[in-house]
């Protein structure tokens, strides 16, 4: 039902399946087929940095076994540059298109990425293995591949610190005697779970049991709203990264580049014409 609860969509959501590859990671000689699959969800949107961000992140993921990358873009159509990159990387993947409902684009604080993560959540509910793990990894994150083995044993929800974020330069659970007792974050904002999107993972079997699990269209409260919808309590949180003392993922935020229109009058018969045509396809220029 549209608008049935705070943060639930007030306009219909459009979700489109673009393509998928389900075979194993061709970049690795051997994979432990008994290891839980990690479903890595990455929302993205067209901008000059998009292909660069996804290339960097995707090439990191090629080094990780038992990964399934779900790339969900804020678009009504399936972008050719993303499709080409996913096919070239050789990772198991699913490519989705799920544009943000127009009503949210007009808000002062735009809940970017929510429509894409919601589409991915639906896909994981319908297709994910019960012993798998769900992890949200934005395209402006940098990640140490050791984090994936840390989270692979997640049964309910696991957490760890995220670096380069907020007034404290870190967002982390507060841990005492091996248990989470609170959160250390520069923007509490009345949130019960003061965590970054890249600071937790969820067991897929547990997710499927939470019939009301959702992510709200409320900017700044997406993580908190999602975790509260899982009926999670602090005592159930599984502590990772050496008792939350190490940072294995960062919110790096690549510098924004304007989308320029270039003058090419003097380059119609040399390589610059083809080069800029390719840049335009990638969304780097107008």
Protein backbone atom coordinates (compact mmCIF):
# COMPACT_ATOMS: atom_id res chain seq x y z
CA UNK A 1 0.00 0.00 0.00
CA UNK A 2 1.44 3.36 -1.02
CA UNK A 3 2.37 5.65 1.88
CA UNK A 4 1.17 3.11 4.44
CA UNK A 5 3.93 3.95 6.94
CA UNK A 6 6.52 6.73 7.41
CA UNK A 7 9.14 6.43 4.69
CA UNK A 8 7.16 4.00 2.57
CA UNK A 9 6.74 5.05 -1.09
CA UNK A 10 3.96 7.48 -1.93
CA UNK A 11 4.37 6.81 -5.66
CA UNK A 12 4.70 3.45 -7.45
CA UNK A 13 8.22 2.06 -7.74
CA UNK A 14 9.48 0.89 -11.13
CA UNK A 15 11.84 -2.08 -11.16
CA UNK A 16 13.46 -3.53 -14.24
CA UNK A 17 15.67 -6.60 -14.58
CA UNK A 18 18.54 -5.84 -16.95
CA UNK A 19 20.83 -8.88 -17.00
CA UNK A 20 22.62 -11.41 -14.81
CA UNK A 21 25.46 -13.89 -14.74
CA UNK A 22 25.21 -16.60 -12.11
CA UNK A 23 28.34 -18.68 -12.74
CA UNK A 24 31.32 -18.53 -10.39
CA UNK A 25 33.95 -15.80 -10.32
CA UNK A 26 36.12 -16.53 -13.36
CA UNK A 27 38.99 -14.51 -11.84
CA UNK A 28 39.68 -17.12 -9.15
CA UNK A 29 41.15 -20.56 -9.81
CA UNK A 30 39.42 -22.14 -6.81
CA UNK A 31 36.38 -21.22 -4.73
CA UNK A 32 34.98 -22.93 -1.64
CA UNK A 33 31.51 -23.78 -2.89
CA UNK A 34 30.37 -24.46 0.66
CA UNK A 35 31.15 -20.90 1.77
CA UNK A 36 28.12 -18.60 2.15
CA UNK A 37 27.56 -16.24 -0.79
CA UNK A 38 27.87 -12.54 -0.02
CA UNK A 39 25.32 -10.45 -1.92
CA UNK A 40 26.96 -7.06 -2.39
CA UNK A 41 24.40 -4.35 -3.21
CA UNK A 42 25.68 -1.21 -4.92
CA UNK A 43 23.30 1.58 -5.94
CA UNK A 44 24.56 3.98 -8.58
CA UNK A 45 23.43 6.82 -10.82
CA UNK A 46 24.65 8.45 -14.00
CA UNK A 47 27.35 11.08 -13.46
CA UNK A 48 30.90 11.70 -14.76
CA UNK A 49 32.45 9.51 -12.02
CA UNK A 50 30.06 6.54 -12.32
CA UNK A 51 32.10 4.21 -14.53
CA UNK A 52 35.34 5.06 -12.71
CA UNK A 53 33.77 4.34 -9.31
CA UNK A 54 32.23 1.05 -10.42
CA UNK A 55 35.44 -0.06 -12.16
CA UNK A 56 37.50 0.49 -9.01
CA UNK A 57 34.98 -1.28 -6.80
CA UNK A 58 34.32 -4.10 -9.24
CA UNK A 59 37.99 -4.90 -9.68
CA UNK A 60 38.29 -5.14 -5.89
CA UNK A 61 35.42 -7.62 -5.83
CA UNK A 62 37.10 -9.84 -8.44
CA UNK A 63 39.55 -10.83 -5.70
CA UNK A 64 36.81 -12.16 -3.40
CA UNK A 65 35.36 -15.64 -3.57
CA UNK A 66 31.64 -16.43 -3.43
CA UNK A 67 30.47 -12.91 -4.26
CA UNK A 68 27.31 -11.93 -6.13
CA UNK A 69 27.32 -8.23 -7.10
CA UNK A 70 23.91 -6.57 -7.41
CA UNK A 71 24.27 -3.24 -9.18
CA UNK A 72 21.04 -1.24 -9.12
CA UNK A 73 20.96 2.05 -10.98
CA UNK A 74 18.74 5.07 -10.55
CA UNK A 75 17.40 4.91 -14.08
CA UNK A 76 14.32 3.71 -15.94
CA UNK A 77 16.58 2.01 -18.49
CA UNK A 78 19.60 -0.26 -18.33
CA UNK A 79 22.84 1.65 -18.97
CA UNK A 80 25.14 0.14 -21.59
CA UNK A 81 28.38 1.19 -19.82
CA UNK A 82 27.33 -0.66 -16.66
CA UNK A 83 26.30 -3.74 -18.62
CA UNK A 84 29.61 -3.75 -20.48
CA UNK A 85 31.64 -3.40 -17.27
CA UNK A 86 29.76 -6.19 -15.49
CA UNK A 87 30.24 -8.58 -18.39
CA UNK A 88 33.93 -7.74 -18.65
CA UNK A 89 34.69 -8.23 -14.93
CA UNK A 90 33.64 -11.88 -14.91
CA UNK A 91 31.88 -11.69 -11.54
CA UNK A 92 28.54 -13.27 -10.75
CA UNK A 93 26.18 -10.31 -10.95
CA UNK A 94 22.65 -9.00 -11.30
CA UNK A 95 21.99 -5.66 -12.99
CA UNK A 96 18.78 -3.85 -12.05
CA UNK A 97 17.23 -0.49 -12.93
CA UNK A 98 14.99 1.17 -10.37
CA UNK A 99 14.51 4.93 -10.65
CA UNK A 100 13.70 7.00 -7.60
CA UNK A 101 10.04 8.07 -7.64
CA UNK A 102 9.90 11.67 -8.88
CA UNK A 103 8.27 12.97 -5.72
CA UNK A 104 11.47 12.38 -3.72
CA UNK A 105 13.70 14.25 -6.18
CA UNK A 106 11.98 17.48 -5.12
CA UNK A 107 12.73 17.08 -1.42
CA UNK A 108 15.28 19.27 0.36
CA UNK A 109 17.23 16.17 1.41
CA UNK A 110 17.02 13.56 -1.32
CA UNK A 111 16.96 9.89 -0.16
CA UNK A 112 19.42 8.83 -2.84
CA UNK A 113 19.89 5.12 -3.45
CA UNK A 114 16.81 3.96 -1.55
CA UNK A 115 14.84 2.85 -4.60
CA UNK A 116 17.87 0.88 -5.81
CA UNK A 117 18.49 -0.83 -2.47
CA UNK A 118 14.79 -1.67 -2.15
CA UNK A 119 14.88 -3.31 -5.58
CA UNK A 120 17.95 -5.30 -4.55
CA UNK A 121 16.28 -6.34 -1.28
CA UNK A 122 13.38 -7.75 -3.25
CA UNK A 123 15.78 -9.66 -5.50
CA UNK A 124 17.65 -11.12 -2.51
CA UNK A 125 14.39 -12.14 -0.82
CA UNK A 126 13.32 -13.98 -3.96
CA UNK A 127 16.66 -15.42 -5.10
CA UNK A 128 19.19 -15.31 -2.26
CA UNK A 129 20.46 -18.44 -0.53
CA UNK A 130 19.34 -18.64 3.10
CA UNK A 131 22.87 -19.07 4.41
CA UNK A 132 24.06 -16.09 2.37
CA UNK A 133 24.93 -12.60 3.62
CA UNK A 134 23.64 -9.20 2.47
CA UNK A 135 26.04 -6.23 2.39
CA UNK A 136 25.39 -2.69 1.15
CA UNK A 137 28.51 -1.23 -0.47
CA UNK A 138 28.16 2.15 -2.16
CA UNK A 139 30.20 2.99 -5.22
CA UNK A 140 32.10 5.69 -3.31
CA UNK A 141 33.34 3.23 -0.68
CA UNK A 142 36.81 1.70 -0.54
CA UNK A 143 37.03 -1.73 1.06
CA UNK A 144 39.75 -4.06 2.34
CA UNK A 145 38.95 -7.53 1.01
CA UNK A 146 39.58 -8.99 4.48
CA UNK A 147 36.21 -7.56 5.49
CA UNK A 148 34.36 -10.08 3.34
CA UNK A 149 35.74 -13.05 5.25
CA UNK A 150 34.91 -11.23 8.50
CA UNK A 151 31.25 -10.88 7.53
CA UNK A 152 30.80 -14.24 5.81
CA UNK A 153 29.77 -15.95 9.07
CA UNK A 154 26.97 -13.43 9.77
CA UNK A 155 23.77 -15.08 11.00
CA UNK A 156 21.65 -12.12 12.16
CA UNK A 157 23.44 -8.75 11.83
CA UNK A 158 27.16 -8.06 12.12
CA UNK A 159 28.80 -4.64 12.50
CA UNK A 160 32.20 -2.93 12.26
CA UNK A 161 33.65 0.62 12.01
CA UNK A 162 33.54 2.77 8.85
CA UNK A 163 36.30 5.31 8.33
CA UNK A 164 36.39 8.83 6.85
CA UNK A 165 32.85 9.74 7.79
CA UNK A 166 31.24 12.46 9.89
CA UNK A 167 32.64 14.83 12.48
CA UNK A 168 34.55 12.02 14.23
CA UNK A 169 36.15 10.69 11.00
CA UNK A 170 34.70 7.31 11.95
CA UNK A 171 31.36 5.69 12.72
CA UNK A 172 31.53 2.65 14.97
CA UNK A 173 29.63 0.53 17.46
CA UNK A 174 30.77 0.97 21.06
CA UNK A 175 31.83 -2.44 22.33
CA UNK A 176 32.35 -3.61 25.91
CA UNK A 177 33.04 -7.20 26.93
CA UNK A 178 32.39 -8.30 23.36
CA UNK A 179 28.90 -6.77 23.16
CA UNK A 180 27.59 -3.65 21.44
CA UNK A 181 26.38 -1.16 24.07
CA UNK A 182 25.94 1.93 21.89
CA UNK A 183 27.40 3.88 18.98
CA UNK A 184 30.18 6.40 18.37
CA UNK A 185 29.03 8.64 15.53
CA UNK A 186 29.21 12.37 14.85
CA UNK A 187 25.58 12.61 13.75
CA UNK A 188 23.29 10.84 16.25
CA UNK A 189 20.10 12.59 14.99
CA UNK A 190 17.84 10.55 17.25
CA UNK A 191 18.81 7.30 15.54
CA UNK A 192 18.73 4.04 17.48
CA UNK A 193 21.34 2.49 15.17
CA UNK A 194 23.93 5.18 14.39
CA UNK A 195 25.73 3.35 11.62
CA UNK A 196 26.84 3.93 8.04
CA UNK A 197 25.39 1.85 5.20
CA UNK A 198 28.73 0.05 4.79
CA UNK A 199 28.99 -0.69 8.51
CA UNK A 200 26.87 -3.82 8.76
CA UNK A 201 25.81 -7.06 7.08
CA UNK A 202 22.64 -9.14 7.43
CA UNK A 203 22.11 -12.89 7.26
CA UNK A 204 19.80 -13.62 4.32
CA UNK A 205 17.93 -16.33 6.20
CA UNK A 206 17.24 -13.88 9.02
CA UNK A 207 16.21 -11.18 6.52
CA UNK A 208 13.66 -13.49 4.93
CA UNK A 209 12.05 -14.17 8.31
CA UNK A 210 11.46 -10.44 8.87
CA UNK A 211 8.36 -9.96 6.74
CA UNK A 212 8.20 -6.21 7.41
CA UNK A 213 11.85 -5.50 6.61
CA UNK A 214 12.09 -2.34 4.53
CA UNK A 215 14.25 0.69 3.86
CA UNK A 216 12.48 4.06 4.25
CA UNK A 217 12.60 7.03 1.92
CA UNK A 218 13.90 9.25 4.74
CA UNK A 219 17.26 10.88 4.00
CA UNK A 220 19.80 10.22 6.75
CA UNK A 221 17.66 7.57 8.39
CA UNK A 222 17.84 4.81 5.78
CA UNK A 223 20.17 2.57 7.79
CA UNK A 224 18.37 3.14 11.09
CA UNK A 225 14.96 2.54 9.56
CA UNK A 226 16.12 -0.66 7.86
CA UNK A 227 17.78 -2.09 10.97
CA UNK A 228 14.76 -1.26 13.15
CA UNK A 229 12.51 -3.02 10.63
CA UNK A 230 14.59 -6.18 11.23
CA UNK A 231 13.48 -6.29 14.90
CA UNK A 232 17.14 -6.08 15.86
CA UNK A 233 18.35 -5.57 19.43
CA UNK A 234 21.86 -4.60 20.50
CA UNK A 235 22.44 -7.99 22.15
CA UNK A 236 21.98 -9.74 18.79
CA UNK A 237 24.67 -7.75 16.96
CA UNK A 238 27.71 -9.81 15.96
CA UNK A 239 30.91 -7.79 16.50
CA UNK A 240 33.56 -7.91 13.77
CA UNK A 241 36.91 -6.25 12.92
CA UNK A 242 38.73 -7.30 16.10
CA UNK A 243 36.07 -6.06 18.46
CA UNK A 244 35.43 -3.00 16.26
CA UNK A 245 39.01 -1.79 16.71
CA UNK A 246 40.05 -1.96 13.02
CA UNK A 247 38.80 -0.09 9.96
CA UNK A 248 38.32 -2.21 6.84
CA UNK A 249 35.95 0.03 4.85
CA UNK A 250 36.00 3.75 4.16
CA UNK A 251 33.57 6.35 2.83
CA UNK A 252 36.01 7.96 0.42
CA UNK A 253 33.72 10.21 -1.68
CA UNK A 254 35.39 10.91 -5.03
CA UNK A 255 35.53 14.59 -5.95
CA UNK A 256 32.62 15.76 -8.11
CA UNK A 257 33.36 16.65 -11.72
CA UNK A 258 31.08 18.88 -13.80
CA UNK A 259 29.52 17.35 -16.89
CA UNK A 260 31.09 19.54 -19.57
CA UNK A 261 30.32 20.20 -23.22
CA UNK A 262 33.64 20.21 -25.11
CA UNK A 263 34.55 22.17 -28.25
CA UNK A 264 35.73 19.74 -30.90
CA UNK A 265 35.73 21.82 -34.08
CA UNK A 266 39.46 21.22 -34.62
CA UNK A 267 39.33 17.49 -33.84
CA UNK A 268 36.93 15.94 -36.32
CA UNK A 269 39.68 13.95 -38.07
CA UNK A 270 41.83 12.70 -35.22
CA UNK A 271 41.56 10.44 -32.15
CA UNK A 272 39.98 13.11 -29.94
CA UNK A 273 36.67 12.74 -31.78
CA UNK A 274 36.48 9.00 -30.98
CA UNK A 275 37.87 9.53 -27.48
CA UNK A 276 35.20 12.07 -26.59
CA UNK A 277 32.48 9.91 -28.17
CA UNK A 278 33.49 7.13 -25.78
CA UNK A 279 33.57 9.57 -22.86
CA UNK A 280 30.03 10.64 -23.72
CA UNK A 281 28.82 7.03 -23.69
CA UNK A 282 30.36 6.65 -20.23
CA UNK A 283 28.52 9.74 -19.00
CA UNK A 284 31.71 11.75 -18.43
CA UNK A 285 30.74 14.66 -20.71
CA UNK A 286 27.63 15.97 -22.40
